[in-house]
């Protein structure tokens, strides 16, 4: 449900922001594939790390509502939705880069466009991953400070549910972002070379 909901949000936002075009549709498709990957990785990582999703805030919420709530499901939904904003930035930028390369040199084939787009993407995704890591580190900062003051060792901090959840969020989001670059770049290269150069220019 989180992947579907994030997909609907992304679908509406991208088309309203960038308009109806092959360029936008390529970014949408790249984002959807990457979101699905993040959802699968989130499930695998949470099972491997034996995360319950029951940190203090979630336990309080479940106690207040008094209904059966899947705490791990809430955790996974947060991972997917938390990654969406940065993922949107990566896929749109990669698609735009490939289109601009196509306009600058119409003789480039799909393989050459992909190679040039990946050179741009490597620098971009490094910055995006740093952004994601800093965001999640900031969210976990109160827990880290409390653990440090209370004298809990590093092992206890890392294995606590709150910190472990942030680690999983960061890992899953980072892997999804890194995978989004080649996926979106490949899709953009395939679509861009098949579009008439006049239509490509009009999409600017």
N, C-alpha and C. Protein backbone atom coordinates (compact mmCIF):
# COMPACT_ATOMS: atom_id res chain seq x y z
N UNK A 1 0.83 -1.21 0.00
CA UNK A 1 0.00 0.00 0.00
C UNK A 1 0.86 1.26 0.00
N UNK A 2 1.99 1.20 0.72
CA UNK A 2 2.88 2.36 0.76
C UNK A 2 3.47 2.63 -0.62
N UNK A 3 3.89 1.56 -1.32
CA UNK A 3 4.44 1.73 -2.67
C UNK A 3 3.37 2.28 -3.61
N UNK A 4 2.15 1.74 -3.52
CA UNK A 4 1.06 2.22 -4.38
C UNK A 4 0.72 3.68 -4.07
N UNK A 5 0.63 4.00 -2.77
CA UNK A 5 0.32 5.38 -2.38
C UNK A 5 1.40 6.35 -2.80
N UNK A 6 2.67 5.97 -2.59
CA UNK A 6 3.78 6.83 -3.01
C UNK A 6 3.79 6.99 -4.52
N UNK A 7 3.43 5.90 -5.23
CA UNK A 7 3.37 5.96 -6.70
C UNK A 7 2.32 6.95 -7.18
N UNK A 8 1.16 6.96 -6.53
CA UNK A 8 0.10 7.90 -6.90
C UNK A 8 0.53 9.34 -6.63
N UNK A 9 1.13 9.56 -5.46
CA UNK A 9 1.62 10.91 -5.12
C UNK A 9 2.64 11.38 -6.14
N UNK A 10 3.61 10.50 -6.44
CA UNK A 10 4.66 10.84 -7.39
C UNK A 10 4.09 11.08 -8.79
N UNK A 11 3.13 10.25 -9.18
CA UNK A 11 2.50 10.38 -10.50
C UNK A 11 1.86 11.76 -10.65
N UNK A 12 1.07 12.16 -9.67
CA UNK A 12 0.39 13.45 -9.73
C UNK A 12 1.38 14.61 -9.67
N UNK A 13 2.33 14.54 -8.76
CA UNK A 13 3.28 15.64 -8.57
C UNK A 13 4.15 15.84 -9.81
N UNK A 14 4.68 14.76 -10.37
CA UNK A 14 5.58 14.90 -11.52
C UNK A 14 4.86 15.45 -12.74
N UNK A 15 3.68 14.95 -13.02
CA UNK A 15 2.95 15.44 -14.20
C UNK A 15 2.45 16.87 -14.01
N UNK A 16 2.04 17.22 -12.77
CA UNK A 16 1.62 18.60 -12.53
C UNK A 16 2.81 19.57 -12.58
N UNK A 17 3.96 19.11 -12.14
CA UNK A 17 5.15 19.97 -12.11
C UNK A 17 5.83 20.08 -13.47
N UNK A 18 5.98 18.96 -14.16
CA UNK A 18 6.78 18.94 -15.38
C UNK A 18 5.97 18.79 -16.66
N UNK A 19 4.66 18.56 -16.54
CA UNK A 19 3.81 18.46 -17.72
C UNK A 19 3.82 17.07 -18.33
N UNK A 20 2.88 16.87 -19.27
CA UNK A 20 2.76 15.59 -19.96
C UNK A 20 3.77 15.53 -21.10
N UNK A 21 4.73 14.64 -21.00
CA UNK A 21 5.73 14.48 -22.04
C UNK A 21 6.41 13.13 -21.88
N UNK A 22 7.13 12.73 -22.92
CA UNK A 22 7.88 11.47 -22.84
C UNK A 22 8.95 11.55 -21.77
N UNK A 23 9.52 12.73 -21.60
CA UNK A 23 10.56 12.92 -20.57
C UNK A 23 9.99 12.67 -19.18
N UNK A 24 8.83 13.25 -18.88
CA UNK A 24 8.21 13.06 -17.58
C UNK A 24 7.78 11.62 -17.37
N UNK A 25 7.22 11.01 -18.42
CA UNK A 25 6.78 9.61 -18.31
C UNK A 25 7.95 8.68 -18.02
N UNK A 26 9.10 8.99 -18.59
CA UNK A 26 10.29 8.18 -18.32
C UNK A 26 10.72 8.32 -16.86
N UNK A 27 10.68 9.53 -16.34
CA UNK A 27 11.01 9.75 -14.92
C UNK A 27 10.01 9.03 -14.02
N UNK A 28 8.73 9.06 -14.39
CA UNK A 28 7.70 8.37 -13.62
C UNK A 28 7.97 6.87 -13.59
N UNK A 29 8.27 6.30 -14.75
CA UNK A 29 8.53 4.86 -14.82
C UNK A 29 9.77 4.48 -14.00
N UNK A 30 10.83 5.27 -14.12
CA UNK A 30 12.04 5.01 -13.35
C UNK A 30 11.78 5.09 -11.85
N UNK A 31 10.95 6.03 -11.44
CA UNK A 31 10.62 6.18 -10.02
C UNK A 31 9.78 5.01 -9.52
N UNK A 32 8.83 4.55 -10.33
CA UNK A 32 7.98 3.42 -9.94
C UNK A 32 8.80 2.15 -9.76
N UNK A 33 9.70 1.89 -10.70
CA UNK A 33 10.55 0.69 -10.59
C UNK A 33 11.42 0.78 -9.34
N UNK A 34 11.98 1.94 -9.09
CA UNK A 34 12.85 2.13 -7.93
C UNK A 34 12.07 2.02 -6.62
N UNK A 35 10.84 2.54 -6.60
CA UNK A 35 10.00 2.42 -5.41
C UNK A 35 9.69 0.97 -5.09
N UNK A 36 9.38 0.20 -6.14
CA UNK A 36 9.10 -1.23 -5.94
C UNK A 36 10.34 -1.93 -5.37
N UNK A 37 11.51 -1.58 -5.89
CA UNK A 37 12.75 -2.16 -5.39
C UNK A 37 12.97 -1.81 -3.93
N UNK A 38 12.73 -0.56 -3.57
CA UNK A 38 12.89 -0.12 -2.18
C UNK A 38 11.92 -0.87 -1.27
N UNK A 39 10.68 -1.08 -1.74
CA UNK A 39 9.71 -1.84 -0.96
C UNK A 39 10.17 -3.26 -0.68
N UNK A 40 10.69 -3.95 -1.72
CA UNK A 40 11.18 -5.32 -1.56
C UNK A 40 12.39 -5.35 -0.62
N UNK A 41 13.32 -4.43 -0.82
CA UNK A 41 14.51 -4.38 0.04
C UNK A 41 14.13 -4.08 1.49
N UNK A 42 13.14 -3.21 1.67
CA UNK A 42 12.69 -2.89 3.02
C UNK A 42 12.18 -4.12 3.76
N UNK A 43 11.40 -4.94 3.06
CA UNK A 43 10.88 -6.18 3.66
C UNK A 43 12.04 -7.12 4.03
N UNK A 44 12.95 -7.32 3.08
CA UNK A 44 14.08 -8.24 3.31
C UNK A 44 14.97 -7.77 4.46
N UNK A 45 15.30 -6.47 4.46
CA UNK A 45 16.18 -5.94 5.50
C UNK A 45 15.52 -6.00 6.88
N UNK A 46 14.22 -5.69 6.94
CA UNK A 46 13.54 -5.68 8.24
C UNK A 46 13.42 -7.09 8.81
N UNK A 47 13.22 -8.08 7.92
CA UNK A 47 13.15 -9.47 8.39
C UNK A 47 14.53 -9.94 8.85
N UNK A 48 15.56 -9.61 8.06
CA UNK A 48 16.93 -10.02 8.41
C UNK A 48 17.37 -9.41 9.74
N UNK A 49 17.03 -8.13 9.92
CA UNK A 49 17.43 -7.44 11.16
C UNK A 49 16.46 -7.70 12.31
N UNK A 50 15.39 -8.46 12.05
CA UNK A 50 14.40 -8.80 13.07
C UNK A 50 13.79 -7.55 13.70
N UNK A 51 13.44 -6.60 12.84
CA UNK A 51 12.83 -5.37 13.34
C UNK A 51 11.34 -5.58 13.56
N UNK A 52 10.84 -5.08 14.68
CA UNK A 52 9.41 -5.18 14.98
C UNK A 52 8.67 -3.90 14.60
N UNK A 53 9.43 -2.79 14.50
CA UNK A 53 8.79 -1.49 14.26
C UNK A 53 8.25 -0.85 15.51
N UNK A 54 8.42 -1.51 16.64
CA UNK A 54 7.86 -1.02 17.90
C UNK A 54 8.87 -0.17 18.66
N UNK A 55 9.06 1.07 18.20
CA UNK A 55 9.82 2.01 19.00
C UNK A 55 8.85 2.71 19.95
N UNK A 56 9.33 3.68 20.70
CA UNK A 56 8.49 4.32 21.72
C UNK A 56 7.29 5.03 21.12
N UNK A 57 7.50 5.77 20.03
CA UNK A 57 6.41 6.52 19.41
C UNK A 57 5.34 5.59 18.86
N UNK A 58 5.76 4.52 18.17
CA UNK A 58 4.80 3.59 17.58
C UNK A 58 4.02 2.86 18.66
N UNK A 59 4.71 2.46 19.74
CA UNK A 59 4.04 1.78 20.85
C UNK A 59 2.98 2.69 21.47
N UNK A 60 3.31 3.97 21.61
CA UNK A 60 2.35 4.94 22.15
C UNK A 60 1.14 5.07 21.24
N UNK A 61 1.39 5.15 19.92
CA UNK A 61 0.30 5.27 18.94
C UNK A 61 -0.62 4.06 19.00
N UNK A 62 -0.04 2.86 19.02
CA UNK A 62 -0.85 1.65 19.05
C UNK A 62 -1.66 1.58 20.34
N UNK A 63 -1.04 1.99 21.46
CA UNK A 63 -1.75 2.00 22.72
C UNK A 63 -2.90 2.99 22.73
N UNK A 64 -2.71 4.15 22.08
CA UNK A 64 -3.76 5.17 22.05
C UNK A 64 -4.92 4.76 21.16
N UNK A 65 -4.62 4.14 20.00
CA UNK A 65 -5.67 3.76 19.07
C UNK A 65 -6.43 2.53 19.52
N UNK A 66 -5.72 1.62 20.17
CA UNK A 66 -6.38 0.43 20.69
C UNK A 66 -6.82 -0.54 19.61
N UNK A 67 -6.24 -0.46 18.41
CA UNK A 67 -6.59 -1.37 17.33
C UNK A 67 -5.37 -2.16 16.91
N UNK A 68 -5.61 -3.26 16.22
CA UNK A 68 -4.51 -4.05 15.71
C UNK A 68 -3.80 -3.33 14.58
N UNK A 69 -2.58 -2.90 14.82
CA UNK A 69 -1.79 -2.16 13.81
C UNK A 69 -0.50 -2.93 13.57
N UNK A 70 -0.17 -3.08 12.31
CA UNK A 70 1.07 -3.76 11.93
C UNK A 70 2.22 -2.77 12.07
N UNK A 71 2.97 -2.89 13.16
CA UNK A 71 4.06 -1.95 13.44
C UNK A 71 5.15 -2.05 12.38
N UNK A 72 5.47 -3.25 11.94
CA UNK A 72 6.49 -3.41 10.91
C UNK A 72 6.01 -2.80 9.59
N UNK A 73 4.71 -2.91 9.32
CA UNK A 73 4.15 -2.29 8.12
C UNK A 73 4.30 -0.78 8.14
N UNK A 74 4.10 -0.18 9.32
CA UNK A 74 4.30 1.27 9.45
C UNK A 74 5.75 1.64 9.20
N UNK A 75 6.66 0.81 9.70
CA UNK A 75 8.08 1.05 9.49
C UNK A 75 8.42 1.02 8.01
N UNK A 76 7.93 0.01 7.29
CA UNK A 76 8.21 -0.12 5.86
C UNK A 76 7.58 1.02 5.07
N UNK A 77 6.38 1.43 5.47
CA UNK A 77 5.74 2.56 4.79
C UNK A 77 6.57 3.83 4.95
N UNK A 78 7.12 4.02 6.15
CA UNK A 78 7.98 5.18 6.38
C UNK A 78 9.24 5.15 5.54
N UNK A 79 9.79 3.95 5.33
CA UNK A 79 10.99 3.81 4.50
C UNK A 79 10.68 4.22 3.07
N UNK A 80 9.57 3.72 2.53
CA UNK A 80 9.20 4.00 1.14
C UNK A 80 8.90 5.48 0.94
N UNK A 81 8.04 6.03 1.80
CA UNK A 81 7.64 7.44 1.64
C UNK A 81 8.81 8.37 1.92
N UNK A 82 9.67 8.01 2.89
CA UNK A 82 10.83 8.83 3.20
C UNK A 82 11.82 8.90 2.05
N UNK A 83 11.87 7.85 1.24
CA UNK A 83 12.80 7.82 0.10
C UNK A 83 12.25 8.54 -1.13
N UNK A 84 10.94 8.77 -1.15
CA UNK A 84 10.30 9.28 -2.36
C UNK A 84 10.83 10.64 -2.80
N UNK A 85 11.01 11.57 -1.83
CA UNK A 85 11.43 12.92 -2.19
C UNK A 85 12.79 12.96 -2.86
N UNK A 86 13.75 12.23 -2.30
CA UNK A 86 15.09 12.21 -2.89
C UNK A 86 15.08 11.42 -4.19
N UNK A 87 14.28 10.35 -4.24
CA UNK A 87 14.18 9.53 -5.44
C UNK A 87 13.62 10.33 -6.61
N UNK A 88 12.63 11.15 -6.33
CA UNK A 88 12.05 12.05 -7.34
C UNK A 88 13.14 12.93 -7.94
N UNK A 89 13.97 13.51 -7.09
CA UNK A 89 15.05 14.39 -7.54
C UNK A 89 16.02 13.65 -8.46
N UNK A 90 16.38 12.43 -8.07
CA UNK A 90 17.35 11.65 -8.86
C UNK A 90 16.80 11.29 -10.23
N UNK A 91 15.58 10.77 -10.27
CA UNK A 91 15.03 10.29 -11.55
C UNK A 91 14.75 11.45 -12.51
N UNK A 92 14.23 12.55 -12.00
CA UNK A 92 13.96 13.70 -12.87
C UNK A 92 15.26 14.28 -13.42
N UNK A 93 16.27 14.40 -12.56
CA UNK A 93 17.55 14.95 -13.00
C UNK A 93 18.21 14.06 -14.04
N UNK A 94 18.18 12.75 -13.82
CA UNK A 94 18.79 11.83 -14.78
C UNK A 94 18.08 11.88 -16.13
N UNK A 95 16.77 11.92 -16.10
CA UNK A 95 16.01 11.99 -17.35
C UNK A 95 16.31 13.28 -18.09
N UNK A 96 16.31 14.39 -17.38
CA UNK A 96 16.60 15.68 -18.00
C UNK A 96 18.01 15.72 -18.58
N UNK A 97 18.97 15.11 -17.86
CA UNK A 97 20.35 15.09 -18.34
C UNK A 97 20.47 14.35 -19.67
N UNK A 98 19.80 13.20 -19.77
CA UNK A 98 19.85 12.41 -21.01
C UNK A 98 19.20 13.18 -22.16
N UNK A 99 18.09 13.84 -21.88
CA UNK A 99 17.41 14.61 -22.93
C UNK A 99 18.28 15.78 -23.41
N UNK A 100 18.93 16.45 -22.48
CA UNK A 100 19.79 17.56 -22.87
C UNK A 100 21.01 17.07 -23.65
N UNK A 101 21.54 15.92 -23.29
CA UNK A 101 22.65 15.33 -24.06
C UNK A 101 22.21 14.99 -25.47
N UNK A 102 21.00 14.51 -25.59
CA UNK A 102 20.44 14.18 -26.90
C UNK A 102 20.30 15.42 -27.77
N UNK A 103 19.86 16.53 -27.17
CA UNK A 103 19.72 17.79 -27.92
C UNK A 103 21.09 18.32 -28.31
N UNK A 104 22.05 18.25 -27.38
CA UNK A 104 23.39 18.78 -27.65
C UNK A 104 24.10 17.99 -28.74
N UNK A 105 23.86 16.69 -28.80
CA UNK A 105 24.51 15.85 -29.82
C UNK A 105 23.53 14.79 -30.31
N UNK A 106 22.73 15.10 -31.33
CA UNK A 106 21.70 14.17 -31.83
C UNK A 106 22.28 12.88 -32.42
N UNK A 107 23.58 12.84 -32.67
CA UNK A 107 24.17 11.64 -33.28
C UNK A 107 24.45 10.53 -32.26
N UNK A 108 24.35 10.83 -30.97
CA UNK A 108 24.62 9.83 -29.94
C UNK A 108 23.56 8.72 -29.99
N UNK A 109 24.02 7.47 -29.92
CA UNK A 109 23.07 6.36 -29.85
C UNK A 109 22.71 6.09 -28.38
N UNK A 110 21.86 5.09 -28.15
CA UNK A 110 21.37 4.83 -26.79
C UNK A 110 22.50 4.44 -25.85
N UNK A 111 23.45 3.64 -26.33
CA UNK A 111 24.57 3.23 -25.48
C UNK A 111 25.43 4.43 -25.07
N UNK A 112 25.67 5.33 -26.02
CA UNK A 112 26.49 6.50 -25.72
C UNK A 112 25.77 7.47 -24.79
N UNK A 113 24.46 7.61 -25.00
CA UNK A 113 23.66 8.45 -24.10
C UNK A 113 23.68 7.88 -22.68
N UNK A 114 23.56 6.57 -22.59
CA UNK A 114 23.57 5.92 -21.27
C UNK A 114 24.90 6.16 -20.56
N UNK A 115 26.00 5.98 -21.30
CA UNK A 115 27.33 6.15 -20.70
C UNK A 115 27.53 7.59 -20.22
N UNK A 116 27.12 8.56 -21.04
CA UNK A 116 27.28 9.96 -20.65
C UNK A 116 26.37 10.30 -19.47
N UNK A 117 25.13 9.79 -19.49
CA UNK A 117 24.21 10.04 -18.38
C UNK A 117 24.69 9.44 -17.08
N UNK A 118 25.33 8.27 -17.15
CA UNK A 118 25.85 7.62 -15.94
C UNK A 118 27.00 8.42 -15.32
N UNK A 119 27.79 9.07 -16.17
CA UNK A 119 28.87 9.90 -15.63
C UNK A 119 28.30 11.06 -14.81
N UNK A 120 27.20 11.62 -15.28
CA UNK A 120 26.51 12.67 -14.52
C UNK A 120 25.88 12.08 -13.26
N UNK A 121 25.26 10.92 -13.40
CA UNK A 121 24.52 10.29 -12.31
C UNK A 121 25.38 9.89 -11.14
N UNK A 122 26.63 9.47 -11.40
CA UNK A 122 27.50 9.05 -10.30
C UNK A 122 27.74 10.18 -9.31
N UNK A 123 27.96 11.38 -9.84
CA UNK A 123 28.17 12.53 -8.94
C UNK A 123 26.88 12.91 -8.22
N UNK A 124 25.79 12.84 -8.96
CA UNK A 124 24.51 13.25 -8.39
C UNK A 124 24.06 12.32 -7.28
N UNK A 125 24.18 11.00 -7.51
CA UNK A 125 23.68 10.05 -6.53
C UNK A 125 24.50 10.10 -5.24
N UNK A 126 25.79 10.43 -5.34
CA UNK A 126 26.62 10.57 -4.13
C UNK A 126 26.06 11.66 -3.23
N UNK A 127 25.70 12.79 -3.83
CA UNK A 127 25.11 13.89 -3.05
C UNK A 127 23.76 13.52 -2.49
N UNK A 128 22.96 12.78 -3.28
CA UNK A 128 21.62 12.38 -2.82
C UNK A 128 21.70 11.42 -1.64
N UNK A 129 22.63 10.48 -1.70
CA UNK A 129 22.80 9.53 -0.59
C UNK A 129 23.26 10.27 0.67
N UNK A 130 24.16 11.22 0.52
CA UNK A 130 24.60 12.03 1.67
C UNK A 130 23.42 12.75 2.30
N UNK A 131 22.55 13.30 1.46
CA UNK A 131 21.35 13.99 1.95
C UNK A 131 20.47 13.04 2.76
N UNK A 132 20.26 11.85 2.22
CA UNK A 132 19.41 10.86 2.89
C UNK A 132 20.01 10.43 4.23
N UNK A 133 21.31 10.17 4.24
CA UNK A 133 21.99 9.74 5.47
C UNK A 133 21.89 10.83 6.54
N UNK A 134 22.13 12.08 6.15
CA UNK A 134 22.07 13.18 7.12
C UNK A 134 20.65 13.37 7.66
N UNK A 135 19.64 13.16 6.81
CA UNK A 135 18.25 13.31 7.25
C UNK A 135 17.90 12.26 8.29
N UNK A 136 18.27 11.01 8.02
CA UNK A 136 17.96 9.94 8.97
C UNK A 136 18.82 10.04 10.23
N UNK A 137 20.06 10.49 10.09
CA UNK A 137 20.92 10.67 11.26
C UNK A 137 20.33 11.76 12.17
N UNK A 138 19.82 12.81 11.56
CA UNK A 138 19.17 13.87 12.33
C UNK A 138 17.95 13.37 13.07
N UNK A 139 17.18 12.48 12.41
CA UNK A 139 15.98 11.93 13.05
C UNK A 139 16.34 11.05 14.25
N UNK A 140 17.49 10.37 14.16
CA UNK A 140 17.91 9.45 15.23
C UNK A 140 18.76 10.14 16.30
N UNK A 141 19.05 11.41 16.12
CA UNK A 141 19.95 12.11 17.04
C UNK A 141 19.49 12.10 18.50
N UNK A 142 18.22 12.34 18.81
CA UNK A 142 17.80 12.29 20.22
C UNK A 142 18.06 10.93 20.87
N UNK A 143 17.82 9.86 20.10
CA UNK A 143 18.05 8.51 20.64
C UNK A 143 19.53 8.29 20.90
N UNK A 144 20.37 8.73 19.96
CA UNK A 144 21.81 8.57 20.13
C UNK A 144 22.32 9.35 21.35
N UNK A 145 21.82 10.57 21.52
CA UNK A 145 22.23 11.39 22.67
C UNK A 145 21.80 10.75 23.99
N UNK A 146 20.56 10.26 24.02
CA UNK A 146 20.05 9.61 25.24
C UNK A 146 20.87 8.37 25.57
N UNK A 147 21.17 7.57 24.54
CA UNK A 147 21.95 6.35 24.76
C UNK A 147 23.35 6.68 25.26
N UNK A 148 23.93 7.75 24.70
CA UNK A 148 25.27 8.15 25.11
C UNK A 148 25.29 8.62 26.56
N UNK A 149 24.31 9.42 26.95
CA UNK A 149 24.24 9.95 28.32
C UNK A 149 23.97 8.84 29.32
N UNK A 150 23.15 7.88 28.94
CA UNK A 150 22.78 6.81 29.87
C UNK A 150 23.88 5.77 30.05
N UNK A 151 24.96 5.89 29.24
CA UNK A 151 26.08 4.98 29.42
C UNK A 151 25.95 3.65 28.70
N UNK A 152 24.98 3.54 27.80
CA UNK A 152 24.81 2.30 27.03
C UNK A 152 25.96 2.20 26.03
N UNK A 153 26.52 1.03 25.89
CA UNK A 153 27.64 0.82 24.98
C UNK A 153 27.22 0.94 23.52
N UNK A 154 28.22 1.01 22.63
CA UNK A 154 27.95 1.13 21.19
C UNK A 154 27.12 -0.04 20.67
N UNK A 155 27.43 -1.25 21.17
CA UNK A 155 26.66 -2.42 20.73
C UNK A 155 25.19 -2.30 21.10
N UNK A 156 24.94 -1.82 22.30
CA UNK A 156 23.55 -1.64 22.74
C UNK A 156 22.82 -0.58 21.94
N UNK A 157 23.55 0.49 21.57
CA UNK A 157 22.94 1.56 20.79
C UNK A 157 22.55 1.06 19.41
N UNK A 158 23.49 0.38 18.75
CA UNK A 158 23.26 -0.07 17.37
C UNK A 158 22.16 -1.11 17.30
N UNK A 159 22.06 -1.97 18.32
CA UNK A 159 21.06 -3.04 18.27
C UNK A 159 19.70 -2.63 18.83
N UNK A 160 19.58 -1.42 19.34
CA UNK A 160 18.28 -0.96 19.82
C UNK A 160 17.34 -0.75 18.63
N UNK A 161 16.05 -0.93 18.86
CA UNK A 161 15.08 -0.85 17.77
C UNK A 161 15.12 0.51 17.07
N UNK A 162 15.19 1.58 17.85
CA UNK A 162 15.13 2.92 17.25
C UNK A 162 16.29 3.18 16.31
N UNK A 163 17.51 2.85 16.75
CA UNK A 163 18.69 3.08 15.93
C UNK A 163 18.75 2.09 14.77
N UNK A 164 18.42 0.83 15.05
CA UNK A 164 18.43 -0.18 13.99
C UNK A 164 17.46 0.18 12.87
N UNK A 165 16.33 0.76 13.23
CA UNK A 165 15.37 1.19 12.20
C UNK A 165 15.96 2.28 11.31
N UNK A 166 16.65 3.24 11.91
CA UNK A 166 17.25 4.30 11.12
C UNK A 166 18.36 3.76 10.22
N UNK A 167 19.11 2.78 10.73
CA UNK A 167 20.16 2.15 9.92
C UNK A 167 19.54 1.46 8.71
N UNK A 168 18.47 0.71 8.94
CA UNK A 168 17.79 0.01 7.84
C UNK A 168 17.20 1.01 6.86
N UNK A 169 16.58 2.07 7.36
CA UNK A 169 16.04 3.10 6.47
C UNK A 169 17.14 3.67 5.57
N UNK A 170 18.27 3.98 6.18
CA UNK A 170 19.38 4.56 5.42
C UNK A 170 19.91 3.59 4.37
N UNK A 171 20.11 2.34 4.76
CA UNK A 171 20.63 1.34 3.83
C UNK A 171 19.68 1.10 2.66
N UNK A 172 18.42 0.89 2.99
CA UNK A 172 17.43 0.61 1.94
C UNK A 172 17.27 1.81 1.01
N UNK A 173 17.15 3.00 1.59
CA UNK A 173 17.02 4.20 0.77
C UNK A 173 18.23 4.43 -0.11
N UNK A 174 19.42 4.20 0.44
CA UNK A 174 20.65 4.41 -0.32
C UNK A 174 20.77 3.43 -1.48
N UNK A 175 20.48 2.15 -1.21
CA UNK A 175 20.54 1.15 -2.28
C UNK A 175 19.52 1.47 -3.37
N UNK A 176 18.32 1.88 -2.94
CA UNK A 176 17.29 2.25 -3.92
C UNK A 176 17.70 3.43 -4.78
N UNK A 177 18.34 4.43 -4.16
CA UNK A 177 18.80 5.61 -4.91
C UNK A 177 19.90 5.24 -5.90
N UNK A 178 20.85 4.43 -5.44
CA UNK A 178 21.94 4.02 -6.32
C UNK A 178 21.39 3.23 -7.51
N UNK A 179 20.44 2.34 -7.25
CA UNK A 179 19.85 1.54 -8.33
C UNK A 179 19.01 2.39 -9.27
N UNK A 180 18.43 3.49 -8.76
CA UNK A 180 17.57 4.33 -9.59
C UNK A 180 18.33 5.00 -10.73
N UNK A 181 19.63 5.26 -10.51
CA UNK A 181 20.42 5.95 -11.54
C UNK A 181 20.56 5.12 -12.81
N UNK A 182 21.08 3.89 -12.76
CA UNK A 182 21.18 3.12 -14.00
C UNK A 182 19.83 2.76 -14.59
N UNK A 183 18.84 2.49 -13.73
CA UNK A 183 17.50 2.14 -14.23
C UNK A 183 16.91 3.30 -15.03
N UNK A 184 16.89 4.48 -14.43
CA UNK A 184 16.28 5.64 -15.09
C UNK A 184 17.10 6.09 -16.29
N UNK A 185 18.42 6.05 -16.18
CA UNK A 185 19.28 6.47 -17.29
C UNK A 185 19.08 5.56 -18.49
N UNK A 186 18.98 4.25 -18.25
CA UNK A 186 18.76 3.30 -19.34
C UNK A 186 17.41 3.54 -20.01
N UNK A 187 16.36 3.73 -19.21
CA UNK A 187 15.04 4.01 -19.78
C UNK A 187 15.05 5.30 -20.59
N UNK A 188 15.68 6.33 -20.04
CA UNK A 188 15.72 7.63 -20.73
C UNK A 188 16.49 7.54 -22.04
N UNK A 189 17.60 6.80 -22.05
CA UNK A 189 18.40 6.66 -23.28
C UNK A 189 17.61 5.94 -24.36
N UNK A 190 16.88 4.89 -23.98
CA UNK A 190 16.09 4.12 -24.94
C UNK A 190 14.97 4.97 -25.53
N UNK A 191 14.29 5.74 -24.67
CA UNK A 191 13.17 6.56 -25.15
C UNK A 191 13.66 7.77 -25.95
N UNK A 192 14.72 8.43 -25.47
CA UNK A 192 15.20 9.67 -26.10
C UNK A 192 15.65 9.46 -27.54
N UNK A 193 16.35 8.35 -27.82
CA UNK A 193 16.86 8.13 -29.18
C UNK A 193 15.74 7.81 -30.17
N UNK A 194 14.59 7.41 -29.65
CA UNK A 194 13.46 7.08 -30.51
C UNK A 194 12.53 8.26 -30.75
N UNK A 195 12.77 9.34 -30.02
CA UNK A 195 11.92 10.52 -30.17
C UNK A 195 12.54 11.49 -31.18
N UNK A 196 11.75 12.03 -32.10
CA UNK A 196 12.29 13.00 -33.07
C UNK A 196 12.95 14.17 -32.33
N UNK A 197 14.06 14.63 -32.87
CA UNK A 197 14.82 15.69 -32.20
C UNK A 197 14.01 16.96 -32.05
N UNK A 198 13.09 17.23 -32.98
CA UNK A 198 12.23 18.42 -32.86
C UNK A 198 11.33 18.34 -31.65
N UNK A 199 10.74 17.14 -31.41
CA UNK A 199 9.88 16.97 -30.24
C UNK A 199 10.69 17.05 -28.96
N UNK A 200 11.93 16.57 -29.02
CA UNK A 200 12.80 16.64 -27.85
C UNK A 200 13.10 18.09 -27.46
N UNK A 201 13.36 18.92 -28.47
CA UNK A 201 13.63 20.33 -28.21
C UNK A 201 12.41 21.03 -27.64
N UNK A 202 11.21 20.68 -28.13
CA UNK A 202 10.00 21.33 -27.67
C UNK A 202 9.70 21.01 -26.20
N UNK A 203 10.24 19.91 -25.69
CA UNK A 203 10.00 19.54 -24.30
C UNK A 203 10.85 20.34 -23.32
N UNK A 204 11.74 21.19 -23.82
CA UNK A 204 12.57 21.98 -22.92
C UNK A 204 11.73 22.92 -22.08
